[in-house]
Amino acid sequence: PENVAAIIDVETTGLSLDSDAIIELAIRRIYFDHHGIVTYIEPVFTCLEDPGFPIPKEITRLTGIADQHVKGQRINED
């Protein structure tokens, strides 16, 4: 049987749990055999989330994600 690992990348509007929000979620699953040899890498699943407030310019510079990219977007929790 194969094993699976998931690599998750999360972009946020900042570091505060109370006042910042997730703006992008990306997940890629990697399958490998019992020897640890990679057998398959899935395409990246990515989605954006509108935080409901302007993305700070510093975050846009860091991530490349701007208000127009996330406008009206929601991460499907299913």
C-alpha atoms as a PDB file:
ATOM      1  CA  PRO A   1       0.000   0.000   0.000  1.00  0.00           C
ATOM      2  CA  GLU A   2       1.023   3.572  -0.623  1.00  0.00           C
ATOM      3  CA  ASN A   3       1.491   6.263   1.980  1.00  0.00           C
ATOM      4  CA  VAL A   4       0.307   9.841   1.584  1.00  0.00           C
ATOM      5  CA  ALA A   5       1.691  13.116   2.891  1.00  0.00           C
ATOM      6  CA  ALA A   6       0.064  16.507   2.507  1.00  0.00           C
ATOM      7  CA  ILE A   7       1.943  19.765   2.228  1.00  0.00           C
ATOM      8  CA  ILE A   8      -0.159  22.720   3.319  1.00  0.00           C
ATOM      9  CA  ASP A   9       0.578  26.390   2.688  1.00  0.00           C
ATOM     10  CA  VAL A  10      -1.550  29.063   4.348  1.00  0.00           C
ATOM     11  CA  GLU A  11      -1.357  32.790   3.623  1.00  0.00           C
ATOM     12  CA  THR A  12      -2.907  35.246   6.074  1.00  0.00           C
ATOM     13  CA  THR A  13      -3.383  38.970   6.523  1.00  0.00           C
ATOM     14  CA  GLY A  14      -1.020  38.914   9.510  1.00  0.00           C
ATOM     15  CA  LEU A  15      -0.046  36.962  12.616  1.00  0.00           C
ATOM     16  CA  SER A  16      -2.878  37.776  15.034  1.00  0.00           C
ATOM     17  CA  LEU A  17      -5.377  35.005  15.762  1.00  0.00           C
ATOM     18  CA  ASP A  18      -7.871  37.631  16.887  1.00  0.00           C
ATOM     19  CA  SER A  19      -7.746  40.201  14.095  1.00  0.00           C
ATOM     20  CA  ASP A  20      -6.199  38.569  11.007  1.00  0.00           C
ATOM     21  CA  ALA A  21      -7.654  36.082   8.534  1.00  0.00           C
ATOM     22  CA  ILE A  22      -6.683  33.353   6.085  1.00  0.00           C
ATOM     23  CA  ILE A  23      -6.592  34.625   2.492  1.00  0.00           C
ATOM     24  CA  GLU A  24      -5.198  31.576   0.664  1.00  0.00           C
ATOM     25  CA  LEU A  25      -5.034  27.843   1.282  1.00  0.00           C
ATOM     26  CA  ALA A  26      -2.953  25.517  -0.885  1.00  0.00           C
ATOM     27  CA  ILE A  27      -2.626  21.747  -0.454  1.00  0.00           C
ATOM     28  CA  ARG A  28      -0.598  19.206  -2.412  1.00  0.00           C
ATOM     29  CA  ARG A  29      -0.683  15.485  -1.666  1.00  0.00           C
ATOM     30  CA  ILE A  30       2.377  13.343  -2.311  1.00  0.00           C
ATOM     31  CA  TYR A  31       2.152   9.559  -2.547  1.00  0.00           C
ATOM     32  CA  PHE A  32       5.124   7.348  -1.733  1.00  0.00           C
ATOM     33  CA  ASP A  33       5.792   3.632  -1.362  1.00  0.00           C
ATOM     34  CA  HIS A  34       7.082   1.735   1.675  1.00  0.00           C
ATOM     35  CA  HIS A  35      10.671   2.577   0.625  1.00  0.00           C
ATOM     36  CA  GLY A  36       9.910   6.298   0.737  1.00  0.00           C
ATOM     37  CA  ILE A  37      10.077   6.663  -3.041  1.00  0.00           C
ATOM     38  CA  VAL A  38       7.630   9.215  -4.404  1.00  0.00           C
ATOM     39  CA  THR A  39       5.187   7.554  -6.793  1.00  0.00           C
ATOM     40  CA  TYR A  40       2.824  10.415  -7.558  1.00  0.00           C
ATOM     41  CA  ILE A  41       2.418  14.128  -6.825  1.00  0.00           C
ATOM     42  CA  GLU A  42      -1.090  15.549  -7.138  1.00  0.00           C
ATOM     43  CA  PRO A  43      -1.727  18.945  -8.694  1.00  0.00           C
ATOM     44  CA  VAL A  44      -2.006  21.762  -6.167  1.00  0.00           C
ATOM     45  CA  PHE A  45      -5.454  22.447  -4.742  1.00  0.00           C
ATOM     46  CA  THR A  46      -5.680  26.155  -4.015  1.00  0.00           C
ATOM     47  CA  CYS A  47      -8.437  28.500  -2.963  1.00  0.00           C
ATOM     48  CA  LEU A  48      -8.759  32.113  -1.891  1.00  0.00           C
ATOM     49  CA  GLU A  49     -10.792  33.773   0.866  1.00  0.00           C
ATOM     50  CA  ASP A  50     -12.008  37.360   1.062  1.00  0.00           C
ATOM     51  CA  PRO A  51     -11.100  38.467   4.597  1.00  0.00           C
ATOM     52  CA  GLY A  52     -13.825  41.117   4.619  1.00  0.00           C
ATOM     53  CA  PHE A  53     -11.327  43.953   5.034  1.00  0.00           C
ATOM     54  CA  PRO A  54      -8.490  45.398   2.922  1.00  0.00           C
ATOM     55  CA  ILE A  55      -5.350  43.272   2.741  1.00  0.00           C
ATOM     56  CA  PRO A  56      -2.433  45.213   4.234  1.00  0.00           C
ATOM     57  CA  LYS A  57       0.036  46.475   1.599  1.00  0.00           C
ATOM     58  CA  GLU A  58       2.870  44.673   3.405  1.00  0.00           C
ATOM     59  CA  ILE A  59       1.027  41.360   3.010  1.00  0.00           C
ATOM     60  CA  THR A  60       0.334  42.028  -0.693  1.00  0.00           C
ATOM     61  CA  ARG A  61       4.057  42.734  -1.192  1.00  0.00           C
ATOM     62  CA  LEU A  62       4.959  39.520   0.621  1.00  0.00           C
ATOM     63  CA  THR A  63       2.366  37.170  -0.923  1.00  0.00           C
ATOM     64  CA  GLY A  64       1.373  38.820  -4.192  1.00  0.00           C
ATOM     65  CA  ILE A  65      -2.253  38.497  -3.103  1.00  0.00           C
ATOM     66  CA  ALA A  66      -4.260  41.724  -3.427  1.00  0.00           C
ATOM     67  CA  ASP A  67      -7.835  42.732  -2.668  1.00  0.00           C
ATOM     68  CA  GLN A  68      -8.923  42.206  -6.286  1.00  0.00           C
ATOM     69  CA  HIS A  69      -7.734  38.565  -6.161  1.00  0.00           C
ATOM     70  CA  VAL A  70      -9.856  37.646  -3.142  1.00  0.00           C
ATOM     71  CA  LYS A  71     -12.930  39.825  -3.712  1.00  0.00           C
ATOM     72  CA  GLY A  72     -16.021  37.669  -3.206  1.00  0.00           C
ATOM     73  CA  GLN A  73     -13.988  34.457  -2.798  1.00  0.00           C
ATOM     74  CA  ARG A  74     -14.727  31.858  -0.112  1.00  0.00           C
ATOM     75  CA  ILE A  75     -12.866  28.715   0.869  1.00  0.00           C
ATOM     76  CA  ASN A  76     -15.211  25.732   0.515  1.00  0.00           C
ATOM     77  CA  GLU A  77     -14.892  23.972   3.867  1.00  0.00           C
ATOM     78  CA  ASP A  78     -16.175  20.709   2.402  1.00  0.00           C
END
